[in-house]
Amino acid sequence: LDHTCEIHDGYLSPALPILYSIICFLGLVSNTVSIFVVFLRKHSDSSMTVYMGHLAMADFLLVLCLPLRVYYHNSEGPFFLCKLLGIFFYMNMYASIFFLSLISLDRYLKIIKPVWVMKIHRVKWSHRASFSVWVTLFLCMSLLFFGNKKQRPCDSICFHFHHKDLMSGVANLSAVALFVVIFLVFICFYTRITTKLRNMSLGNQDTKSQRRKSRLIQKTFVVPVIFTVCFLPYHLVRVPYVLAQMDVIPALDSKQMLHVLNEITLVLSALNSCLDPIIYYFLSCTFRKTILCAVHGQFKNLYAVNHRRISINPSITEI
């Protein structure tokens, strides 16, 4: 491959298949459990439960792409199959970003604007919002399928450094710009949520109450920490990487370095599919109780937990 493509994985070449295989295994197990818990629920009174189900499905579909990514690693494959899988991977990655954002919006409104909850965040509205996310992503990603054709040696290698034309480059940079907007809104949401929780009174201002408040704030940070660690590095690298793919950055050394950085940060993005169930565990009382019941073999209690009707807003810190 070094004779045909000047860009290579270097020291990452043996590591990437192993890392993606681990993520695939963990993602399949954790998201299968998450989807099972969601469908086990008899009552889905919470709008966040709807988003949690769609997020688990997006993560599950993403990890299904990884076996072929491992199989075709650093080798040539059917051009349109590789392109289709690449688009499918990114569609589900951005679906995860949008559903995490919707979860954050829902939590923000419950905590900061509780009067709006009954007006806006009904389950019916949540289903419509989720459906809109899938349709929009499908339409946008399908346009990329008609972009670049195989033109240069690197373009024949699956999931590798591919040169982009103007249309594909602008589309990719637009996705980065959209993420930046989402990320800034995300940070604003959690800054205000944290401020509200810090100022919230939990009964007597004794040591026990303060510890409880501290735990609530720590639980709140689970979502933004996972979101930032998994997605921010990738999008920071993405701008110069796309510019290199468009030959705006022509130096081969720069392209090589950006390719390696892109692969490392892409692994972090894929890792999100394994970490989202941690969010469910900390923020969903029903999910947590279901997992604990299963671990302890209390299957009768597991069934009872998921067939109990809950209120639409059981806790400001939980789904």
C-alpha atoms as a PDB file:
ATOM      1  CA  LEU A   1       0.000   0.000   0.000  1.00  0.00           C
ATOM      2  CA  ASP A   2       2.939   2.326   0.575  1.00  0.00           C
ATOM      3  CA  HIS A   3       3.613   2.138  -3.196  1.00  0.00           C
ATOM      4  CA  THR A   4       0.163   3.425  -4.089  1.00  0.00           C
ATOM      5  CA  CYS A   5      -0.812   5.681  -1.196  1.00  0.00           C
ATOM      6  CA  GLU A   6       1.587   8.071   0.484  1.00  0.00           C
ATOM      7  CA  ILE A   7      -0.637   8.413   3.566  1.00  0.00           C
ATOM      8  CA  HIS A   8      -0.474   5.516   6.022  1.00  0.00           C
ATOM      9  CA  ASP A   9      -1.588   4.640   9.553  1.00  0.00           C
ATOM     10  CA  GLY A  10       1.942   4.231  10.893  1.00  0.00           C
ATOM     11  CA  TYR A  11       2.087   2.952  14.462  1.00  0.00           C
ATOM     12  CA  LEU A  12      -1.728   2.933  14.604  1.00  0.00           C
ATOM     13  CA  SER A  13      -1.979   0.202  11.975  1.00  0.00           C
ATOM     14  CA  PRO A  14      -1.974  -2.770  14.418  1.00  0.00           C
ATOM     15  CA  ALA A  15      -3.795  -0.846  17.164  1.00  0.00           C
ATOM     16  CA  LEU A  16      -6.894   0.379  15.290  1.00  0.00           C
ATOM     17  CA  PRO A  17      -8.411  -3.076  14.520  1.00  0.00           C
ATOM     18  CA  ILE A  18      -7.925  -4.108  18.158  1.00  0.00           C
ATOM     19  CA  LEU A  19      -9.464  -0.900  19.526  1.00  0.00           C
ATOM     20  CA  TYR A  20     -12.454  -1.058  17.170  1.00  0.00           C
ATOM     21  CA  SER A  21     -12.980  -4.748  18.011  1.00  0.00           C
ATOM     22  CA  ILE A  22     -13.081  -3.937  21.741  1.00  0.00           C
ATOM     23  CA  ILE A  23     -15.470  -1.021  21.168  1.00  0.00           C
ATOM     24  CA  CYS A  24     -17.651  -3.227  18.962  1.00  0.00           C
ATOM     25  CA  PHE A  25     -17.924  -5.947  21.608  1.00  0.00           C
ATOM     26  CA  LEU A  26     -18.587  -3.567  24.508  1.00  0.00           C
ATOM     27  CA  GLY A  27     -20.975  -1.468  22.410  1.00  0.00           C
ATOM     28  CA  LEU A  28     -23.016  -4.458  21.259  1.00  0.00           C
ATOM     29  CA  VAL A  29     -23.371  -5.813  24.793  1.00  0.00           C
ATOM     30  CA  SER A  30     -24.137  -2.500  26.526  1.00  0.00           C
ATOM     31  CA  ASN A  31     -26.527  -1.194  23.878  1.00  0.00           C
ATOM     32  CA  THR A  32     -28.348  -4.520  23.517  1.00  0.00           C
ATOM     33  CA  VAL A  33     -29.003  -4.327  27.261  1.00  0.00           C
ATOM     34  CA  SER A  34     -30.065  -0.666  26.941  1.00  0.00           C
ATOM     35  CA  ILE A  35     -32.486  -1.404  24.096  1.00  0.00           C
ATOM     36  CA  PHE A  36     -33.866  -4.377  26.050  1.00  0.00           C
ATOM     37  CA  VAL A  37     -34.533  -2.158  29.073  1.00  0.00           C
ATOM     38  CA  VAL A  38     -36.234   0.478  26.908  1.00  0.00           C
ATOM     39  CA  PHE A  39     -38.534  -2.045  25.207  1.00  0.00           C
ATOM     40  CA  LEU A  40     -39.178  -3.800  28.517  1.00  0.00           C
ATOM     41  CA  ARG A  41     -40.792  -0.631  29.756  1.00  0.00           C
ATOM     42  CA  LYS A  42     -44.573  -0.869  29.665  1.00  0.00           C
ATOM     43  CA  HIS A  43     -45.019   2.832  30.358  1.00  0.00           C
ATOM     44  CA  SER A  44     -42.882   5.427  28.550  1.00  0.00           C
ATOM     45  CA  ASP A  45     -44.217   8.536  30.243  1.00  0.00           C
ATOM     46  CA  SER A  46     -40.936  10.429  30.036  1.00  0.00           C
ATOM     47  CA  SER A  47     -39.791  12.282  26.945  1.00  0.00           C
ATOM     48  CA  MET A  48     -36.214  11.470  27.906  1.00  0.00           C
ATOM     49  CA  THR A  49     -37.021   7.760  27.787  1.00  0.00           C
ATOM     50  CA  VAL A  50     -37.900   8.256  24.117  1.00  0.00           C
ATOM     51  CA  TYR A  51     -34.571   9.978  23.442  1.00  0.00           C
ATOM     52  CA  MET A  52     -32.728   7.312  25.417  1.00  0.00           C
ATOM     53  CA  GLY A  53     -34.228   4.614  23.185  1.00  0.00           C
ATOM     54  CA  HIS A  54     -33.245   6.398  19.977  1.00  0.00           C
ATOM     55  CA  LEU A  55     -29.762   7.119  21.327  1.00  0.00           C
ATOM     56  CA  ALA A  56     -29.266   3.444  22.198  1.00  0.00           C
ATOM     57  CA  MET A  57     -30.436   2.469  18.711  1.00  0.00           C
ATOM     58  CA  ALA A  58     -28.034   4.946  17.059  1.00  0.00           C
ATOM     59  CA  ASP A  59     -25.131   3.597  19.120  1.00  0.00           C
ATOM     60  CA  PHE A  60     -26.113   0.006  18.333  1.00  0.00           C
ATOM     61  CA  LEU A  61     -26.226   0.711  14.587  1.00  0.00           C
ATOM     62  CA  LEU A  62     -22.879   2.500  14.753  1.00  0.00           C
ATOM     63  CA  VAL A  63     -21.071  -0.454  16.334  1.00  0.00           C
ATOM     64  CA  LEU A  64     -22.539  -2.731  13.641  1.00  0.00           C
ATOM     65  CA  CYS A  65     -20.313  -0.832  11.170  1.00  0.00           C
ATOM     66  CA  LEU A  66     -17.141  -1.662  13.087  1.00  0.00           C
ATOM     67  CA  PRO A  67     -16.626  -5.340  12.080  1.00  0.00           C
ATOM     68  CA  LEU A  68     -16.370  -4.330   8.412  1.00  0.00           C
ATOM     69  CA  ARG A  69     -14.151  -1.415   9.365  1.00  0.00           C
ATOM     70  CA  VAL A  70     -11.827  -3.937  11.016  1.00  0.00           C
ATOM     71  CA  TYR A  71     -12.090  -6.380   8.095  1.00  0.00           C
ATOM     72  CA  TYR A  72     -11.226  -3.796   5.441  1.00  0.00           C
ATOM     73  CA  HIS A  73      -8.666  -1.968   7.611  1.00  0.00           C
ATOM     74  CA  ASN A  74      -5.855  -0.533   5.485  1.00  0.00           C
ATOM     75  CA  SER A  75      -6.955  -2.520   2.450  1.00  0.00           C
ATOM     76  CA  GLU A  76      -8.998  -2.063  -0.703  1.00  0.00           C
ATOM     77  CA  GLY A  77     -12.655  -3.009  -0.679  1.00  0.00           C
ATOM     78  CA  PRO A  78     -15.789  -2.532  -2.770  1.00  0.00           C
ATOM     79  CA  PHE A  79     -15.805   1.234  -3.306  1.00  0.00           C
ATOM     80  CA  PHE A  80     -19.535   1.827  -2.910  1.00  0.00           C
ATOM     81  CA  LEU A  81     -19.832  -0.570   0.051  1.00  0.00           C
ATOM     82  CA  CYS A  82     -17.032   1.235   1.875  1.00  0.00           C
ATOM     83  CA  LYS A  83     -18.573   4.595   1.065  1.00  0.00           C
ATOM     84  CA  LEU A  84     -22.033   3.438   2.191  1.00  0.00           C
ATOM     85  CA  LEU A  85     -20.652   2.094   5.464  1.00  0.00           C
ATOM     86  CA  GLY A  86     -18.708   5.300   6.045  1.00  0.00           C
ATOM     87  CA  ILE A  87     -21.836   7.420   5.552  1.00  0.00           C
ATOM     88  CA  PHE A  88     -23.864   5.039   7.762  1.00  0.00           C
ATOM     89  CA  PHE A  89     -21.211   5.354  10.491  1.00  0.00           C
ATOM     90  CA  TYR A  90     -21.282   9.154  10.430  1.00  0.00           C
ATOM     91  CA  MET A  91     -25.079   9.285  10.265  1.00  0.00           C
ATOM     92  CA  ASN A  92     -25.342   7.330  13.513  1.00  0.00           C
ATOM     93  CA  MET A  93     -22.511   9.306  15.118  1.00  0.00           C
ATOM     94  CA  TYR A  94     -24.349  12.572  14.463  1.00  0.00           C
ATOM     95  CA  ALA A  95     -27.618  10.951  15.534  1.00  0.00           C
ATOM     96  CA  SER A  96     -25.940  10.294  18.905  1.00  0.00           C
ATOM     97  CA  ILE A  97     -24.869  13.942  19.071  1.00  0.00           C
ATOM     98  CA  PHE A  98     -28.408  15.166  18.346  1.00  0.00           C
ATOM     99  CA  PHE A  99     -30.108  12.797  20.810  1.00  0.00           C
ATOM    100  CA  LEU A 100     -27.639  13.714  23.573  1.00  0.00           C
ATOM    101  CA  SER A 101     -28.465  17.335  22.778  1.00  0.00           C
ATOM    102  CA  LEU A 102     -32.207  16.666  22.996  1.00  0.00           C
ATOM    103  CA  ILE A 103     -31.710  14.931  26.347  1.00  0.00           C
ATOM    104  CA  SER A 104     -29.771  17.966  27.537  1.00  0.00           C
ATOM    105  CA  LEU A 105     -32.449  20.360  26.257  1.00  0.00           C
ATOM    106  CA  ASP A 106     -35.110  18.348  28.040  1.00  0.00           C
ATOM    107  CA  ARG A 107     -33.179  18.383  31.315  1.00  0.00           C
ATOM    108  CA  TYR A 108     -32.470  22.095  30.932  1.00  0.00           C
ATOM    109  CA  LEU A 109     -36.157  22.901  30.532  1.00  0.00           C
ATOM    110  CA  LYS A 110     -37.151  20.692  33.472  1.00  0.00           C
ATOM    111  CA  ILE A 111     -34.670  22.396  35.764  1.00  0.00           C
ATOM    112  CA  ILE A 112     -34.519  25.990  34.485  1.00  0.00           C
ATOM    113  CA  LYS A 113     -37.971  26.354  32.856  1.00  0.00           C
ATOM    114  CA  PRO A 114     -40.186  23.800  34.632  1.00  0.00           C
ATOM    115  CA  VAL A 115     -43.383  25.635  33.612  1.00  0.00           C
ATOM    116  CA  TRP A 116     -42.682  24.749  29.953  1.00  0.00           C
ATOM    117  CA  VAL A 117     -42.402  21.009  30.501  1.00  0.00           C
ATOM    118  CA  MET A 118     -46.074  20.137  30.021  1.00  0.00           C
ATOM    119  CA  LYS A 119     -46.389  22.439  27.006  1.00  0.00           C
ATOM    120  CA  ILE A 120     -43.369  21.312  25.026  1.00  0.00           C
ATOM    121  CA  HIS A 121     -41.908  18.053  26.249  1.00  0.00           C
ATOM    122  CA  ARG A 122     -44.719  15.615  25.807  1.00  0.00           C
ATOM    123  CA  VAL A 123     -43.908  12.079  24.643  1.00  0.00           C
ATOM    124  CA  LYS A 124     -45.732  12.714  21.352  1.00  0.00           C
ATOM    125  CA  TRP A 125     -43.525  15.747  20.664  1.00  0.00           C
ATOM    126  CA  SER A 126     -40.420  13.721  21.548  1.00  0.00           C
ATOM    127  CA  HIS A 127     -41.332  11.023  19.032  1.00  0.00           C
ATOM    128  CA  ARG A 128     -41.783  13.667  16.343  1.00  0.00           C
ATOM    129  CA  ALA A 129     -38.468  15.343  17.200  1.00  0.00           C
ATOM    130  CA  SER A 130     -36.669  11.988  17.066  1.00  0.00           C
ATOM    131  CA  PHE A 131     -38.258  11.091  13.744  1.00  0.00           C
ATOM    132  CA  SER A 132     -37.229  14.491  12.357  1.00  0.00           C
ATOM    133  CA  VAL A 133     -33.612  13.879  13.409  1.00  0.00           C
ATOM    134  CA  TRP A 134     -33.455  10.553  11.563  1.00  0.00           C
ATOM    135  CA  VAL A 135     -35.111  11.899   8.402  1.00  0.00           C
ATOM    136  CA  THR A 136     -32.899  15.001   8.284  1.00  0.00           C
ATOM    137  CA  LEU A 137     -29.703  13.001   8.794  1.00  0.00           C
ATOM    138  CA  PHE A 138     -30.717  10.427   6.200  1.00  0.00           C
ATOM    139  CA  LEU A 139     -31.422  13.098   3.583  1.00  0.00           C
ATOM    140  CA  CYS A 140     -28.215  15.047   4.317  1.00  0.00           C
ATOM    141  CA  MET A 141     -25.980  11.977   4.382  1.00  0.00           C
ATOM    142  CA  SER A 142     -27.503  10.511   1.228  1.00  0.00           C
ATOM    143  CA  LEU A 143     -26.311  13.599  -0.686  1.00  0.00           C
ATOM    144  CA  LEU A 144     -22.716  12.715   0.208  1.00  0.00           C
ATOM    145  CA  PHE A 145     -23.099   9.368  -1.532  1.00  0.00           C
ATOM    146  CA  PHE A 146     -23.178  11.161  -4.887  1.00  0.00           C
ATOM    147  CA  GLY A 147     -20.032  13.181  -4.184  1.00  0.00           C
ATOM    148  CA  ASN A 148     -16.462  12.065  -4.746  1.00  0.00           C
ATOM    149  CA  LYS A 149     -15.563   9.345  -7.199  1.00  0.00           C
ATOM    150  CA  LYS A 150     -12.464   7.174  -6.923  1.00  0.00           C
ATOM    151  CA  GLN A 151      -9.709   9.363  -8.405  1.00  0.00           C
ATOM    152  CA  ARG A 152      -6.440   8.893  -6.492  1.00  0.00           C
ATOM    153  CA  PRO A 153      -4.607   5.883  -4.994  1.00  0.00           C
ATOM    154  CA  CYS A 154      -5.678   6.613  -1.403  1.00  0.00           C
ATOM    155  CA  ASP A 155      -9.326   6.795  -2.477  1.00  0.00           C
ATOM    156  CA  SER A 156      -9.383   3.044  -3.174  1.00  0.00           C
ATOM    157  CA  ILE A 157      -8.538   2.188   0.444  1.00  0.00           C
ATOM    158  CA  CYS A 158     -11.537   1.803   2.748  1.00  0.00           C
ATOM    159  CA  PHE A 159     -11.953   4.236   5.659  1.00  0.00           C
ATOM    160  CA  HIS A 160      -8.723   6.039   4.848  1.00  0.00           C
ATOM    161  CA  PHE A 161      -7.509   9.488   3.810  1.00  0.00           C
ATOM    162  CA  HIS A 162      -9.693  10.366   0.795  1.00  0.00           C
ATOM    163  CA  HIS A 163      -9.443  13.515  -1.268  1.00  0.00           C
ATOM    164  CA  LYS A 164     -12.587  15.641  -1.343  1.00  0.00           C
ATOM    165  CA  ASP A 165     -14.108  17.891  -3.949  1.00  0.00           C
ATOM    166  CA  LEU A 166     -15.504  21.315  -3.080  1.00  0.00           C
ATOM    167  CA  MET A 167     -19.054  20.106  -2.404  1.00  0.00           C
ATOM    168  CA  SER A 168     -17.977  17.311  -0.042  1.00  0.00           C
ATOM    169  CA  GLY A 169     -15.501  19.591   1.682  1.00  0.00           C
ATOM    170  CA  VAL A 170     -18.084  22.313   2.314  1.00  0.00           C
ATOM    171  CA  ALA A 171     -20.569  19.704   3.568  1.00  0.00           C
ATOM    172  CA  ASN A 172     -18.024  18.349   6.062  1.00  0.00           C
ATOM    173  CA  LEU A 173     -17.023  21.810   7.261  1.00  0.00           C
ATOM    174  CA  SER A 174     -20.713  22.717   7.650  1.00  0.00           C
ATOM    175  CA  ALA A 175     -21.147  19.677   9.906  1.00  0.00           C
ATOM    176  CA  VAL A 176     -18.260  20.941  12.043  1.00  0.00           C
ATOM    177  CA  ALA A 177     -19.835  24.413  12.242  1.00  0.00           C
ATOM    178  CA  LEU A 178     -23.143  22.850  13.312  1.00  0.00           C
ATOM    179  CA  PHE A 179     -21.351  20.864  16.014  1.00  0.00           C
ATOM    180  CA  VAL A 180     -19.646  24.024  17.317  1.00  0.00           C
ATOM    181  CA  VAL A 181     -23.058  25.691  17.705  1.00  0.00           C
ATOM    182  CA  ILE A 182     -24.481  22.612  19.448  1.00  0.00           C
ATOM    183  CA  PHE A 183     -21.445  22.378  21.726  1.00  0.00           C
ATOM    184  CA  LEU A 184     -21.642  26.034  22.793  1.00  0.00           C
ATOM    185  CA  VAL A 185     -25.370  25.681  23.535  1.00  0.00           C
ATOM    186  CA  PHE A 186     -24.567  22.440  25.370  1.00  0.00           C
ATOM    187  CA  ILE A 187     -22.056  24.194  27.627  1.00  0.00           C
ATOM    188  CA  CYS A 188     -24.498  27.047  28.288  1.00  0.00           C
ATOM    189  CA  PHE A 189     -27.191  24.552  29.298  1.00  0.00           C
ATOM    190  CA  TYR A 190     -24.982  22.765  31.806  1.00  0.00           C
ATOM    191  CA  THR A 191     -23.484  25.951  33.185  1.00  0.00           C
ATOM    192  CA  ARG A 192     -26.987  27.171  34.049  1.00  0.00           C
ATOM    193  CA  ILE A 193     -28.050  23.738  35.318  1.00  0.00           C
ATOM    194  CA  THR A 194     -25.008  23.576  37.620  1.00  0.00           C
ATOM    195  CA  THR A 195     -25.645  27.103  38.891  1.00  0.00           C
ATOM    196  CA  LYS A 196     -29.291  26.237  39.611  1.00  0.00           C
ATOM    197  CA  LEU A 197     -28.335  23.056  41.485  1.00  0.00           C
ATOM    198  CA  ARG A 198     -25.674  24.888  43.525  1.00  0.00           C
ATOM    199  CA  ASN A 199     -28.261  27.472  44.609  1.00  0.00           C
ATOM    200  CA  MET A 200     -30.958  24.882  45.226  1.00  0.00           C
ATOM    201  CA  SER A 201     -31.965  24.212  48.819  1.00  0.00           C
ATOM    202  CA  LEU A 202     -32.133  20.561  49.870  1.00  0.00           C
ATOM    203  CA  GLY A 203     -33.702  20.975  53.271  1.00  0.00           C
ATOM    204  CA  ASN A 204     -31.347  21.583  56.172  1.00  0.00           C
ATOM    205  CA  GLN A 205     -27.950  22.944  55.194  1.00  0.00           C
ATOM    206  CA  ASP A 206     -26.102  20.207  57.088  1.00  0.00           C
ATOM    207  CA  THR A 207     -23.181  18.081  55.910  1.00  0.00           C
ATOM    208  CA  LYS A 208     -25.460  15.303  54.630  1.00  0.00           C
ATOM    209  CA  SER A 209     -27.474  17.738  52.487  1.00  0.00           C
ATOM    210  CA  GLN A 210     -24.325  19.282  51.093  1.00  0.00           C
ATOM    211  CA  ARG A 211     -22.977  15.855  50.167  1.00  0.00           C
ATOM    212  CA  ARG A 212     -26.248  15.034  48.415  1.00  0.00           C
ATOM    213  CA  LYS A 213     -26.108  18.301  46.485  1.00  0.00           C
ATOM    214  CA  SER A 214     -22.507  17.560  45.512  1.00  0.00           C
ATOM    215  CA  ARG A 215     -23.530  14.110  44.205  1.00  0.00           C
ATOM    216  CA  LEU A 216     -26.357  15.644  42.163  1.00  0.00           C
ATOM    217  CA  ILE A 217     -23.928  18.092  40.544  1.00  0.00           C
ATOM    218  CA  GLN A 218     -21.439  15.289  39.830  1.00  0.00           C
ATOM    219  CA  LYS A 219     -24.186  13.222  38.180  1.00  0.00           C
ATOM    220  CA  THR A 220     -25.119  16.231  36.072  1.00  0.00           C
ATOM    221  CA  PHE A 221     -21.560  16.457  34.728  1.00  0.00           C
ATOM    222  CA  VAL A 222     -21.645  12.888  33.357  1.00  0.00           C
ATOM    223  CA  VAL A 223     -23.341  13.979  30.117  1.00  0.00           C
ATOM    224  CA  PRO A 224     -21.176  17.021  29.209  1.00  0.00           C
ATOM    225  CA  VAL A 225     -17.940  15.205  30.149  1.00  0.00           C
ATOM    226  CA  ILE A 226     -18.720  12.209  27.915  1.00  0.00           C
ATOM    227  CA  PHE A 227     -19.967  14.499  25.134  1.00  0.00           C
ATOM    228  CA  THR A 228     -16.829  16.673  25.279  1.00  0.00           C
ATOM    229  CA  VAL A 229     -14.271  13.846  25.539  1.00  0.00           C
ATOM    230  CA  CYS A 230     -15.810  11.845  22.702  1.00  0.00           C
ATOM    231  CA  PHE A 231     -16.768  14.494  20.168  1.00  0.00           C
ATOM    232  CA  LEU A 232     -14.814  17.722  20.715  1.00  0.00           C
ATOM    233  CA  PRO A 233     -11.296  16.397  19.802  1.00  0.00           C
ATOM    234  CA  TYR A 234     -12.616  14.885  16.570  1.00  0.00           C
ATOM    235  CA  HIS A 235     -14.245  18.133  15.444  1.00  0.00           C
ATOM    236  CA  LEU A 236     -11.193  20.204  16.399  1.00  0.00           C
ATOM    237  CA  VAL A 237      -9.037  18.033  14.135  1.00  0.00           C
ATOM    238  CA  ARG A 238     -11.707  17.853  11.449  1.00  0.00           C
ATOM    239  CA  VAL A 239     -11.264  21.385  10.055  1.00  0.00           C
ATOM    240  CA  PRO A 240      -7.550  21.131   9.121  1.00  0.00           C
ATOM    241  CA  TYR A 241      -8.085  17.489   8.105  1.00  0.00           C
ATOM    242  CA  VAL A 242     -10.815  18.370   5.591  1.00  0.00           C
ATOM    243  CA  LEU A 243      -8.702  21.265   4.299  1.00  0.00           C
ATOM    244  CA  ALA A 244      -5.886  18.755   3.733  1.00  0.00           C
ATOM    245  CA  GLN A 245      -8.299  16.449   1.899  1.00  0.00           C
ATOM    246  CA  MET A 246      -9.214  19.402  -0.345  1.00  0.00           C
ATOM    247  CA  ASP A 247      -5.481  20.134  -0.914  1.00  0.00           C
ATOM    248  CA  VAL A 248      -5.812  23.550   0.736  1.00  0.00           C
ATOM    249  CA  ILE A 249      -3.105  22.151   3.025  1.00  0.00           C
ATOM    250  CA  PRO A 250      -0.816  20.519   0.421  1.00  0.00           C
ATOM    251  CA  ALA A 251       2.192  19.422   2.507  1.00  0.00           C
ATOM    252  CA  LEU A 252       2.474  15.629   2.726  1.00  0.00           C
ATOM    253  CA  ASP A 253       3.868  15.718   6.287  1.00  0.00           C
ATOM    254  CA  SER A 254       0.871  17.759   7.424  1.00  0.00           C
ATOM    255  CA  LYS A 255      -1.541  15.383   5.725  1.00  0.00           C
ATOM    256  CA  GLN A 256       0.165  12.407   7.385  1.00  0.00           C
ATOM    257  CA  MET A 257      -0.005  14.000  10.843  1.00  0.00           C
ATOM    258  CA  LEU A 258      -3.645  15.046  10.400  1.00  0.00           C
ATOM    259  CA  HIS A 259      -4.592  11.564   9.205  1.00  0.00           C
ATOM    260  CA  VAL A 260      -3.156   9.994  12.371  1.00  0.00           C
ATOM    261  CA  LEU A 261      -4.885  12.588  14.582  1.00  0.00           C
ATOM    262  CA  ASN A 262      -8.159  12.029  12.732  1.00  0.00           C
ATOM    263  CA  GLU A 263      -7.951   8.261  13.307  1.00  0.00           C
ATOM    264  CA  ILE A 264      -7.205   8.687  17.026  1.00  0.00           C
ATOM    265  CA  THR A 265     -10.055  11.134  17.580  1.00  0.00           C
ATOM    266  CA  LEU A 266     -12.422   8.983  15.503  1.00  0.00           C
ATOM    267  CA  VAL A 267     -11.776   6.116  17.927  1.00  0.00           C
ATOM    268  CA  LEU A 268     -12.845   8.459  20.743  1.00  0.00           C
ATOM    269  CA  SER A 269     -16.047   9.277  18.847  1.00  0.00           C
ATOM    270  CA  ALA A 270     -16.798   5.569  18.381  1.00  0.00           C
ATOM    271  CA  LEU A 271     -16.098   5.029  22.085  1.00  0.00           C
ATOM    272  CA  ASN A 272     -19.147   7.171  22.842  1.00  0.00           C
ATOM    273  CA  SER A 273     -21.337   4.203  21.858  1.00  0.00           C
ATOM    274  CA  CYS A 274     -19.943   2.315  24.885  1.00  0.00           C
ATOM    275  CA  LEU A 275     -20.147   5.260  27.290  1.00  0.00           C
ATOM    276  CA  ASP A 276     -23.749   6.348  26.688  1.00  0.00           C
ATOM    277  CA  PRO A 277     -25.118   3.457  28.819  1.00  0.00           C
ATOM    278  CA  ILE A 278     -23.181   5.024  31.731  1.00  0.00           C
ATOM    279  CA  ILE A 279     -25.369   8.106  31.216  1.00  0.00           C
ATOM    280  CA  TYR A 280     -28.496   5.956  31.399  1.00  0.00           C
ATOM    281  CA  TYR A 281     -27.251   4.313  34.597  1.00  0.00           C
ATOM    282  CA  PHE A 282     -26.568   7.569  36.424  1.00  0.00           C
ATOM    283  CA  LEU A 283     -29.537   9.557  35.130  1.00  0.00           C
ATOM    284  CA  SER A 284     -32.288   6.934  34.838  1.00  0.00           C
ATOM    285  CA  CYS A 285     -33.657   5.506  38.060  1.00  0.00           C
ATOM    286  CA  THR A 286     -35.538   2.780  36.148  1.00  0.00           C
ATOM    287  CA  PHE A 287     -32.477   1.786  34.112  1.00  0.00           C
ATOM    288  CA  ARG A 288     -30.317   1.637  37.246  1.00  0.00           C
ATOM    289  CA  LYS A 289     -32.824  -0.478  39.187  1.00  0.00           C
ATOM    290  CA  THR A 290     -33.286  -2.812  36.190  1.00  0.00           C
ATOM    291  CA  ILE A 291     -29.537  -3.395  35.871  1.00  0.00           C
ATOM    292  CA  LEU A 292     -29.140  -3.984  39.615  1.00  0.00           C
ATOM    293  CA  CYS A 293     -32.066  -6.419  39.637  1.00  0.00           C
ATOM    294  CA  ALA A 294     -30.556  -8.347  36.705  1.00  0.00           C
ATOM    295  CA  VAL A 295     -27.114  -8.450  38.354  1.00  0.00           C
ATOM    296  CA  HIS A 296     -28.624  -9.856  41.555  1.00  0.00           C
ATOM    297  CA  GLY A 297     -30.872 -12.289  39.683  1.00  0.00           C
ATOM    298  CA  GLN A 298     -34.059 -10.606  40.921  1.00  0.00           C
ATOM    299  CA  PHE A 299     -35.996 -11.069  37.680  1.00  0.00           C
ATOM    300  CA  LYS A 300     -39.432 -10.725  39.292  1.00  0.00           C
ATOM    301  CA  ASN A 301     -38.429  -7.314  40.617  1.00  0.00           C
ATOM    302  CA  LEU A 302     -36.960  -6.457  37.206  1.00  0.00           C
ATOM    303  CA  TYR A 303     -40.345  -7.032  35.594  1.00  0.00           C
ATOM    304  CA  ALA A 304     -42.134  -5.035  38.309  1.00  0.00           C
ATOM    305  CA  VAL A 305     -39.762  -2.061  38.008  1.00  0.00           C
ATOM    306  CA  ASN A 306     -40.412  -1.737  34.277  1.00  0.00           C
ATOM    307  CA  HIS A 307     -44.184  -2.140  34.518  1.00  0.00           C
ATOM    308  CA  ARG A 308     -44.626   0.538  37.148  1.00  0.00           C
ATOM    309  CA  ARG A 309     -46.037   3.831  35.904  1.00  0.00           C
ATOM    310  CA  ILE A 310     -43.810   6.762  36.805  1.00  0.00           C
ATOM    311  CA  SER A 311     -44.520  10.469  36.854  1.00  0.00           C
ATOM    312  CA  ILE A 312     -43.436  12.636  33.928  1.00  0.00           C
ATOM    313  CA  ASN A 313     -40.850  14.407  36.079  1.00  0.00           C
ATOM    314  CA  PRO A 314     -39.742  12.060  38.882  1.00  0.00           C
ATOM    315  CA  SER A 315     -36.541  13.992  39.570  1.00  0.00           C
ATOM    316  CA  ILE A 316     -34.851  17.058  38.159  1.00  0.00           C
ATOM    317  CA  THR A 317     -31.619  15.079  37.889  1.00  0.00           C
ATOM    318  CA  GLU A 318     -32.937  11.848  36.453  1.00  0.00           C
ATOM    319  CA  ILE A 319     -34.507  10.618  33.252  1.00  0.00           C
END
